[in-house]
N, C-alpha and C. Protein backbone atom coordinates (compact mmCIF):
# COMPACT_ATOMS: atom_id res chain seq x y z
N MET A 1 0.82 -1.19 0.00
CA MET A 1 0.00 0.00 0.00
C MET A 1 0.87 1.26 0.00
N LEU A 2 1.88 1.26 -0.80
CA LEU A 2 2.78 2.41 -0.83
C LEU A 2 2.21 3.61 -1.60
N LEU A 3 1.42 3.37 -2.63
CA LEU A 3 0.92 4.51 -3.41
C LEU A 3 0.09 5.48 -2.55
N PRO A 4 -0.84 5.02 -1.73
CA PRO A 4 -1.57 5.98 -0.89
C PRO A 4 -0.64 6.71 0.09
N TRP A 5 0.34 6.00 0.63
CA TRP A 5 1.29 6.63 1.56
C TRP A 5 2.12 7.69 0.84
N LEU A 6 2.59 7.37 -0.37
CA LEU A 6 3.36 8.34 -1.15
C LEU A 6 2.53 9.59 -1.45
N GLU A 7 1.26 9.41 -1.74
CA GLU A 7 0.36 10.54 -1.98
C GLU A 7 0.17 11.36 -0.71
N GLU A 8 0.02 10.68 0.41
CA GLU A 8 -0.11 11.39 1.69
C GLU A 8 1.15 12.22 1.97
N MET A 9 2.32 11.65 1.74
CA MET A 9 3.57 12.38 1.96
C MET A 9 3.70 13.56 1.01
N ARG A 10 3.27 13.39 -0.23
CA ARG A 10 3.31 14.49 -1.19
C ARG A 10 2.42 15.64 -0.71
N CYS A 11 1.21 15.30 -0.29
CA CYS A 11 0.28 16.33 0.20
C CYS A 11 0.84 17.03 1.44
N ARG A 12 1.41 16.28 2.35
CA ARG A 12 1.99 16.88 3.55
C ARG A 12 3.15 17.79 3.19
N PHE A 13 4.01 17.35 2.27
CA PHE A 13 5.15 18.17 1.86
C PHE A 13 4.66 19.47 1.21
N VAL A 14 3.73 19.37 0.28
CA VAL A 14 3.23 20.56 -0.42
C VAL A 14 2.54 21.49 0.57
N ASP A 15 1.71 20.96 1.46
CA ASP A 15 1.04 21.81 2.46
C ASP A 15 2.05 22.57 3.31
N ARG A 16 3.12 21.90 3.69
CA ARG A 16 4.12 22.50 4.57
C ARG A 16 5.02 23.50 3.84
N HIS A 17 5.33 23.24 2.57
CA HIS A 17 6.36 24.01 1.89
C HIS A 17 5.88 24.75 0.64
N VAL A 18 4.60 24.87 0.42
CA VAL A 18 4.09 25.46 -0.82
C VAL A 18 4.65 26.85 -1.08
N ARG A 19 4.84 27.65 -0.05
CA ARG A 19 5.35 29.00 -0.24
C ARG A 19 6.81 29.02 -0.69
N ARG A 20 7.54 27.95 -0.43
CA ARG A 20 8.95 27.90 -0.81
C ARG A 20 9.17 27.32 -2.20
N LEU A 21 8.14 26.72 -2.76
CA LEU A 21 8.28 26.10 -4.08
C LEU A 21 8.10 27.14 -5.17
N PRO A 22 9.02 27.18 -6.12
CA PRO A 22 8.92 28.18 -7.17
C PRO A 22 7.80 27.86 -8.15
N ALA A 23 7.16 28.90 -8.63
CA ALA A 23 6.16 28.73 -9.68
C ALA A 23 6.89 28.52 -11.00
N GLY A 24 6.16 28.18 -12.02
CA GLY A 24 6.76 28.07 -13.34
C GLY A 24 6.93 26.67 -13.86
N GLN A 25 6.57 25.66 -13.07
CA GLN A 25 6.63 24.30 -13.58
C GLN A 25 5.50 24.13 -14.61
N VAL A 26 5.76 23.33 -15.61
CA VAL A 26 4.80 23.12 -16.69
C VAL A 26 4.44 21.64 -16.76
N ASP A 27 3.15 21.35 -16.97
CA ASP A 27 2.72 19.98 -17.16
C ASP A 27 3.31 19.46 -18.47
N PRO A 28 4.04 18.33 -18.42
CA PRO A 28 4.71 17.86 -19.63
C PRO A 28 3.75 17.38 -20.72
N ILE A 29 2.53 17.06 -20.38
CA ILE A 29 1.57 16.57 -21.38
C ILE A 29 0.78 17.72 -21.98
N SER A 30 0.21 18.56 -21.13
CA SER A 30 -0.65 19.64 -21.63
C SER A 30 0.13 20.90 -21.99
N GLY A 31 1.29 21.07 -21.39
CA GLY A 31 2.05 22.29 -21.59
C GLY A 31 1.54 23.46 -20.77
N GLU A 32 0.54 23.20 -19.95
CA GLU A 32 -0.06 24.25 -19.11
C GLU A 32 0.76 24.43 -17.83
N PRO A 33 0.78 25.65 -17.29
CA PRO A 33 1.49 25.87 -16.02
C PRO A 33 0.79 25.12 -14.88
N VAL A 34 1.58 24.71 -13.91
CA VAL A 34 1.07 24.00 -12.74
C VAL A 34 1.37 24.86 -11.52
N GLU A 35 0.36 25.10 -10.72
CA GLU A 35 0.53 25.85 -9.48
C GLU A 35 1.31 25.00 -8.47
N PRO A 36 2.18 25.61 -7.66
CA PRO A 36 2.93 24.83 -6.67
C PRO A 36 2.04 23.98 -5.76
N ALA A 37 0.84 24.41 -5.45
CA ALA A 37 -0.06 23.62 -4.59
C ALA A 37 -0.48 22.32 -5.26
N ASP A 38 -0.32 22.22 -6.58
CA ASP A 38 -0.71 21.02 -7.32
C ASP A 38 0.48 20.19 -7.79
N TYR A 39 1.68 20.51 -7.31
CA TYR A 39 2.87 19.80 -7.76
C TYR A 39 2.82 18.32 -7.42
N GLU A 40 3.24 17.52 -8.39
CA GLU A 40 3.44 16.08 -8.18
C GLU A 40 4.92 15.88 -7.84
N TRP A 41 5.32 14.63 -7.59
CA TRP A 41 6.71 14.37 -7.19
C TRP A 41 7.71 14.82 -8.24
N GLY A 42 7.39 14.71 -9.51
CA GLY A 42 8.31 15.17 -10.55
C GLY A 42 8.53 16.67 -10.49
N HIS A 43 7.46 17.43 -10.27
CA HIS A 43 7.59 18.88 -10.12
C HIS A 43 8.40 19.23 -8.88
N ILE A 44 8.13 18.52 -7.79
CA ILE A 44 8.83 18.78 -6.54
C ILE A 44 10.32 18.52 -6.72
N PHE A 45 10.66 17.40 -7.34
CA PHE A 45 12.08 17.08 -7.58
C PHE A 45 12.74 18.16 -8.43
N ALA A 46 12.08 18.58 -9.50
CA ALA A 46 12.65 19.62 -10.37
C ALA A 46 12.86 20.93 -9.61
N ALA A 47 11.91 21.29 -8.77
CA ALA A 47 12.03 22.52 -7.99
C ALA A 47 13.16 22.42 -6.97
N LEU A 48 13.26 21.30 -6.28
CA LEU A 48 14.28 21.14 -5.24
C LEU A 48 15.68 21.01 -5.82
N ARG A 49 15.76 20.49 -7.02
CA ARG A 49 17.06 20.34 -7.68
C ARG A 49 17.76 21.69 -7.83
N ARG A 50 17.00 22.75 -7.91
CA ARG A 50 17.54 24.10 -8.10
C ARG A 50 17.72 24.86 -6.79
N ALA A 51 17.31 24.28 -5.66
CA ALA A 51 17.38 24.98 -4.37
C ALA A 51 18.58 24.48 -3.58
N PRO A 52 19.53 25.36 -3.26
CA PRO A 52 20.70 24.93 -2.50
C PRO A 52 20.32 24.30 -1.16
N GLY A 53 20.90 23.17 -0.87
CA GLY A 53 20.66 22.49 0.41
C GLY A 53 19.34 21.76 0.51
N ALA A 54 18.56 21.74 -0.55
CA ALA A 54 17.26 21.07 -0.52
C ALA A 54 17.44 19.56 -0.65
N PRO A 55 16.52 18.79 -0.09
CA PRO A 55 16.59 17.32 -0.14
C PRO A 55 16.09 16.77 -1.48
N ASP A 56 16.75 17.18 -2.57
CA ASP A 56 16.27 16.77 -3.89
C ASP A 56 16.43 15.27 -4.12
N ALA A 57 17.45 14.64 -3.55
CA ALA A 57 17.61 13.19 -3.72
C ALA A 57 16.44 12.45 -3.07
N ALA A 58 15.95 12.96 -1.95
CA ALA A 58 14.80 12.35 -1.28
C ALA A 58 13.56 12.45 -2.17
N ALA A 59 13.35 13.62 -2.78
CA ALA A 59 12.20 13.79 -3.68
C ALA A 59 12.34 12.89 -4.90
N ASN A 60 13.55 12.70 -5.36
CA ASN A 60 13.77 11.82 -6.51
C ASN A 60 13.43 10.38 -6.18
N THR A 61 13.78 9.93 -4.98
CA THR A 61 13.41 8.56 -4.57
C THR A 61 11.90 8.42 -4.54
N MET A 62 11.20 9.40 -3.97
CA MET A 62 9.74 9.35 -3.92
C MET A 62 9.17 9.30 -5.33
N ARG A 63 9.69 10.14 -6.21
CA ARG A 63 9.22 10.19 -7.60
C ARG A 63 9.45 8.85 -8.29
N HIS A 64 10.63 8.30 -8.11
CA HIS A 64 11.00 7.06 -8.79
C HIS A 64 10.11 5.90 -8.33
N VAL A 65 9.93 5.75 -7.03
CA VAL A 65 9.10 4.66 -6.50
C VAL A 65 7.65 4.84 -6.92
N ARG A 66 7.13 6.05 -6.81
CA ARG A 66 5.74 6.31 -7.20
C ARG A 66 5.51 5.97 -8.66
N ASN A 67 6.42 6.42 -9.54
CA ASN A 67 6.24 6.15 -10.96
C ASN A 67 6.33 4.67 -11.28
N ALA A 68 7.26 3.97 -10.66
CA ALA A 68 7.38 2.53 -10.90
C ALA A 68 6.09 1.82 -10.50
N LEU A 69 5.62 2.08 -9.30
CA LEU A 69 4.41 1.39 -8.82
C LEU A 69 3.18 1.77 -9.63
N ALA A 70 3.07 3.02 -10.01
CA ALA A 70 1.90 3.47 -10.77
C ALA A 70 1.84 2.83 -12.15
N HIS A 71 2.98 2.42 -12.67
CA HIS A 71 3.04 1.80 -13.99
C HIS A 71 3.19 0.28 -13.90
N GLY A 72 2.92 -0.28 -12.72
CA GLY A 72 2.93 -1.72 -12.54
C GLY A 72 4.31 -2.35 -12.57
N GLU A 73 5.33 -1.55 -12.32
CA GLU A 73 6.70 -2.06 -12.31
C GLU A 73 7.17 -2.18 -10.87
N PRO A 74 8.15 -3.03 -10.63
CA PRO A 74 8.67 -3.13 -9.26
C PRO A 74 9.57 -1.94 -8.93
N ALA A 75 9.55 -1.56 -7.68
CA ALA A 75 10.49 -0.56 -7.18
C ALA A 75 11.61 -1.33 -6.49
N SER A 76 12.79 -0.78 -6.51
CA SER A 76 13.92 -1.48 -5.90
C SER A 76 13.75 -1.53 -4.39
N LEU A 77 14.26 -2.59 -3.79
CA LEU A 77 14.22 -2.75 -2.34
C LEU A 77 14.97 -1.60 -1.68
N ALA A 78 16.10 -1.21 -2.24
CA ALA A 78 16.89 -0.11 -1.66
C ALA A 78 16.09 1.18 -1.63
N ASP A 79 15.38 1.49 -2.73
CA ASP A 79 14.56 2.70 -2.76
C ASP A 79 13.44 2.61 -1.73
N CYS A 80 12.78 1.47 -1.63
CA CYS A 80 11.68 1.31 -0.68
C CYS A 80 12.17 1.44 0.76
N GLN A 81 13.37 0.96 1.02
CA GLN A 81 13.92 1.05 2.38
C GLN A 81 14.27 2.50 2.74
N ARG A 82 14.50 3.34 1.77
CA ARG A 82 14.84 4.75 2.02
C ARG A 82 13.62 5.64 2.19
N LEU A 83 12.46 5.17 1.84
CA LEU A 83 11.28 6.04 1.80
C LEU A 83 10.97 6.74 3.12
N GLU A 84 10.98 6.03 4.21
CA GLU A 84 10.61 6.66 5.50
C GLU A 84 11.61 7.75 5.87
N ALA A 85 12.89 7.43 5.79
CA ALA A 85 13.91 8.44 6.13
C ALA A 85 13.84 9.62 5.17
N ASP A 86 13.63 9.34 3.88
CA ASP A 86 13.54 10.42 2.90
C ASP A 86 12.31 11.29 3.15
N SER A 87 11.20 10.67 3.54
CA SER A 87 10.00 11.47 3.81
C SER A 87 10.24 12.41 4.99
N GLN A 88 10.95 11.94 5.99
CA GLN A 88 11.26 12.79 7.13
C GLN A 88 12.19 13.94 6.75
N ARG A 89 13.17 13.67 5.87
CA ARG A 89 14.06 14.72 5.38
C ARG A 89 13.27 15.79 4.62
N LEU A 90 12.34 15.35 3.81
CA LEU A 90 11.52 16.30 3.05
C LEU A 90 10.65 17.16 3.95
N LEU A 91 10.00 16.54 4.92
CA LEU A 91 9.12 17.29 5.80
C LEU A 91 9.91 18.24 6.71
N ALA A 92 11.14 17.89 7.03
CA ALA A 92 11.96 18.71 7.92
C ALA A 92 12.76 19.79 7.19
N TRP A 93 12.67 19.84 5.88
CA TRP A 93 13.45 20.80 5.10
C TRP A 93 13.22 22.22 5.62
N ARG A 94 14.31 22.92 5.86
CA ARG A 94 14.24 24.31 6.36
C ARG A 94 14.89 25.24 5.39
């Protein structure tokens, strides 16, 4: 049941850090702008990749596991084992 948990962590992260996330991300399918409050893990990773000291690797793990599971593919054991610690790093980002 990782997909619901990953969604819960995404919502908690966005709720906590929405003001720190830069605007300007674009939906890759529609080409329409996406508001930071609606960011998915891919948007979050892209935003954090540009922020000094941000836990972008943690967001990348979340993105990778979520995408694998959503497409019926296995996620690596190593990635799954990192999820809890990575979620805490993301929520604690200052």
